[in-house]
Amino acid sequence: MAKKNTKQQLYTDEYFEKGHWGKKIWQTLVAIFGWICVVIPVVITVTAFWAVYDPRVPHLWSYQEGIFEIKFIGILLLFAFVMVSLFAVGMTIIQNRKRDRVVEQWPTFNPINQKKRETELEKFMDDRFGDEDFRHNVRTYQVKPEQNLDTDQIQNLYRKHDLNDLDDK
C-alpha cells in the first residue's frame, strides 16, 4: 500500500475554503470599504493640490494651510528619501569594500592540512565504528562504552599527525 505524502497545514482560513458564503461576502465588503476609505482621501488631497496649479481640475477644498502642509510633508518625505538613499549607498560601499578585504581572501585555514585532516578522521571513524558504507546504511547502532570519544580525542589525533592549524609552532 503506497503511503500518501501530505503536508501538515499550520493555519486555516475559512475565506478560501469551500462554502462560508456569508463570511466571504462580509469580508469582501469590509475590504472594499477599507480601500474606499484609503483611496477617497488620497484622491481629494491630490486633486486639491493639483487644482492650485490648474484651476480647471475639480476639487473639494483649496485652503492655503492645507496646501502649505502638503508641500511641507512633501519636503520632509523628500529629505527622508535623500537621507535613506545616502545611507543605503554608503552602507553598500562599506560592505563591498569589507567583502573585498575580508571575505574573498585566501582561507584562514590550511586547505592542504584540511584534506589530510578529513582523511585521518575517516580512517579513525572506520577503525572505531566500521566502514563508511556500513555507518551510512545501518538503521540503528549501539555504541559500546569503549567506543565513546574523549573530549579532546579528535584534537589529539590531529596533533599526533601534526595537522592542528591552531597549535602555535
Protein backbone atom coordinates (compact mmCIF):
# COMPACT_ATOMS: atom_id res chain seq x y z
CA MET A 1 0.00 0.00 0.00
CA ALA A 2 1.51 3.33 -1.07
CA LYS A 3 1.82 5.89 1.67
CA LYS A 4 0.41 9.28 0.68
CA ASN A 5 2.84 12.16 1.28
CA THR A 6 0.83 15.02 2.77
CA LYS A 7 2.00 18.30 4.19
CA GLN A 8 0.75 19.47 7.54
CA GLN A 9 -1.19 22.71 7.27
CA LEU A 10 -0.45 25.01 10.18
CA TYR A 11 -3.22 27.54 9.55
CA THR A 12 -6.78 27.70 8.33
CA ASP A 13 -8.70 30.45 6.57
CA GLU A 14 -12.40 29.95 6.09
CA TYR A 15 -12.46 32.69 3.42
CA PHE A 16 -10.59 30.45 0.98
CA GLU A 17 -12.31 27.20 1.93
CA LYS A 18 -15.39 25.92 0.16
CA GLY A 19 -18.65 27.31 1.49
CA HIS A 20 -18.81 30.06 4.14
CA TRP A 21 -20.54 32.44 1.70
CA GLY A 22 -21.73 34.81 4.42
CA LYS A 23 -18.22 35.24 5.75
CA LYS A 24 -16.82 35.73 2.22
CA ILE A 25 -19.39 38.40 1.34
CA TRP A 26 -18.92 40.21 4.65
CA GLN A 27 -15.10 40.21 4.48
CA THR A 28 -15.15 41.31 0.84
CA LEU A 29 -17.45 44.24 1.69
CA VAL A 30 -15.24 45.25 4.63
CA ALA A 31 -12.13 45.09 2.40
CA ILE A 32 -13.80 47.20 -0.31
CA PHE A 33 -14.96 49.73 2.29
CA GLY A 34 -11.42 49.89 3.72
CA TRP A 35 -9.92 50.56 0.29
CA ILE A 36 -12.54 53.23 -0.39
CA CYS A 37 -11.58 54.89 2.92
CA VAL A 38 -7.97 54.95 1.72
CA VAL A 39 -8.48 55.97 -1.91
CA ILE A 40 -11.05 58.78 -1.47
CA PRO A 41 -8.95 60.99 0.87
CA VAL A 42 -5.90 60.48 -1.36
CA VAL A 43 -7.89 61.49 -4.48
CA ILE A 44 -9.37 64.53 -2.71
CA THR A 45 -5.94 65.67 -1.50
CA VAL A 46 -4.24 65.12 -4.85
CA THR A 47 -6.96 66.94 -6.80
CA ALA A 48 -6.89 69.85 -4.33
CA PHE A 49 -3.13 70.16 -4.67
CA TRP A 50 -3.32 69.79 -8.47
CA ALA A 51 -6.02 72.48 -8.64
CA VAL A 52 -3.55 75.05 -7.22
CA TYR A 53 -1.56 74.74 -10.46
CA ASP A 54 -4.51 74.06 -12.83
CA PRO A 55 -7.82 75.69 -11.78
CA ARG A 56 -9.76 73.57 -14.30
CA VAL A 57 -9.28 70.47 -12.09
CA PRO A 58 -12.38 69.85 -9.94
CA HIS A 59 -11.56 69.93 -6.23
CA LEU A 60 -13.36 69.95 -2.88
CA TRP A 61 -11.12 72.30 -0.94
CA SER A 62 -8.42 74.88 -1.59
CA TYR A 63 -7.30 76.09 1.82
CA GLN A 64 -3.83 77.67 1.80
CA GLU A 65 -2.99 75.99 5.12
CA GLY A 66 -3.72 72.56 3.64
CA ILE A 67 -1.66 73.26 0.53
CA PHE A 68 1.21 74.51 2.74
CA GLU A 69 1.06 71.33 4.83
CA ILE A 70 1.10 69.12 1.73
CA LYS A 71 4.19 70.95 0.47
CA PHE A 72 5.79 70.70 3.92
CA ILE A 73 5.14 66.95 4.14
CA GLY A 74 6.47 66.59 0.59
CA ILE A 75 9.70 68.34 1.60
CA LEU A 76 10.02 66.13 4.71
CA LEU A 77 9.47 62.98 2.64
CA LEU A 78 11.99 64.15 0.03
CA PHE A 79 14.53 64.83 2.79
CA ALA A 80 13.88 61.40 4.31
CA PHE A 81 14.28 59.77 0.88
CA VAL A 82 17.61 61.54 0.30
CA MET A 83 18.92 60.54 3.75
CA VAL A 84 17.84 56.91 3.36
CA SER A 85 19.38 56.81 -0.14
CA LEU A 86 22.69 58.22 1.16
CA PHE A 87 22.69 55.69 3.99
CA ALA A 88 21.92 52.79 1.65
CA VAL A 89 24.60 53.80 -0.86
CA GLY A 90 27.13 54.39 1.93
CA MET A 91 26.45 51.01 3.54
CA THR A 92 26.69 49.30 0.14
CA ILE A 93 30.10 50.85 -0.48
CA ILE A 94 31.31 49.92 3.02
CA GLN A 95 30.07 46.32 2.69
CA ASN A 96 31.61 45.89 -0.76
CA ARG A 97 34.98 47.13 0.50
CA LYS A 98 34.71 44.87 3.55
CA ARG A 99 33.90 41.88 1.34
CA ASP A 100 36.86 42.62 -0.92
CA ARG A 101 39.19 42.95 2.09
CA VAL A 102 37.98 40.11 4.30
CA VAL A 103 35.67 37.61 2.67
CA GLU A 104 37.48 36.99 -0.58
CA GLN A 105 40.92 36.48 0.96
CA TRP A 106 42.74 33.16 0.98
CA PRO A 107 41.11 30.82 3.52
CA THR A 108 42.19 31.25 7.13
CA PHE A 109 42.92 27.51 7.39
CA ASN A 110 45.47 25.45 5.54
CA PRO A 111 43.49 23.71 2.74
CA ILE A 112 46.15 21.02 2.32
CA ASN A 113 46.02 20.16 6.01
CA GLN A 114 42.23 20.24 5.84
CA LYS A 115 42.20 17.43 3.27
CA LYS A 116 44.70 15.45 5.36
CA ARG A 117 42.54 16.00 8.47
CA GLU A 118 39.48 14.66 6.61
CA THR A 119 41.44 11.58 5.52
CA GLU A 120 42.76 10.89 9.03
CA LEU A 121 39.31 11.42 10.55
CA GLU A 122 37.75 9.00 8.04
CA LYS A 123 40.38 6.35 8.92
CA PHE A 124 39.77 6.92 12.62
CA MET A 125 35.99 6.60 12.23
CA ASP A 126 36.38 3.47 10.08
CA ASP A 127 38.57 1.85 12.77
CA ARG A 128 36.25 2.92 15.58
CA PHE A 129 32.75 2.47 14.16
CA GLY A 130 33.06 0.46 10.93
CA ASP A 131 33.44 1.45 7.30
CA GLU A 132 31.58 4.42 5.83
CA ASP A 133 29.13 2.32 3.82
CA PHE A 134 28.09 0.44 6.98
CA ARG A 135 27.74 3.65 9.02
CA HIS A 136 25.57 5.36 6.40
CA ASN A 137 23.26 2.42 5.78
CA VAL A 138 22.69 0.94 9.24
CA ARG A 139 19.30 1.80 10.81
CA THR A 140 20.34 1.60 14.45
CA TYR A 141 23.73 1.30 16.05
CA GLN A 142 24.57 0.63 19.68
CA VAL A 143 27.77 2.46 20.70
CA LYS A 144 29.82 0.42 23.16
CA PRO A 145 31.18 2.32 26.17
CA GLU A 146 34.78 1.86 24.98
CA GLN A 147 33.82 3.48 21.64
CA ASN A 148 32.82 6.78 23.23
CA LEU A 149 35.12 9.65 22.29
CA ASP A 150 37.13 11.56 24.84
CA THR A 151 36.62 15.30 24.91
CA ASP A 152 39.86 16.10 23.09
CA GLN A 153 40.39 12.86 21.18
CA ILE A 154 39.97 14.40 17.69
CA GLN A 155 42.28 17.27 18.61
CA ASN A 156 44.87 14.78 19.88
CA LEU A 157 44.54 12.82 16.62
CA TYR A 158 45.32 15.98 14.65
CA ARG A 159 48.21 16.83 16.97
CA LYS A 160 49.63 13.29 16.62
CA HIS A 161 49.73 13.68 12.81
CA ASP A 162 50.86 17.34 13.02
CA LEU A 163 47.65 18.60 11.36
CA ASN A 164 46.40 21.01 14.02
CA ASP A 165 46.47 24.51 12.48
CA LEU A 166 45.51 26.07 15.81
CA ASP A 167 48.64 24.98 17.68
CA ASP A 168 51.43 27.53 17.96
CA LYS A 169 54.57 26.21 16.36
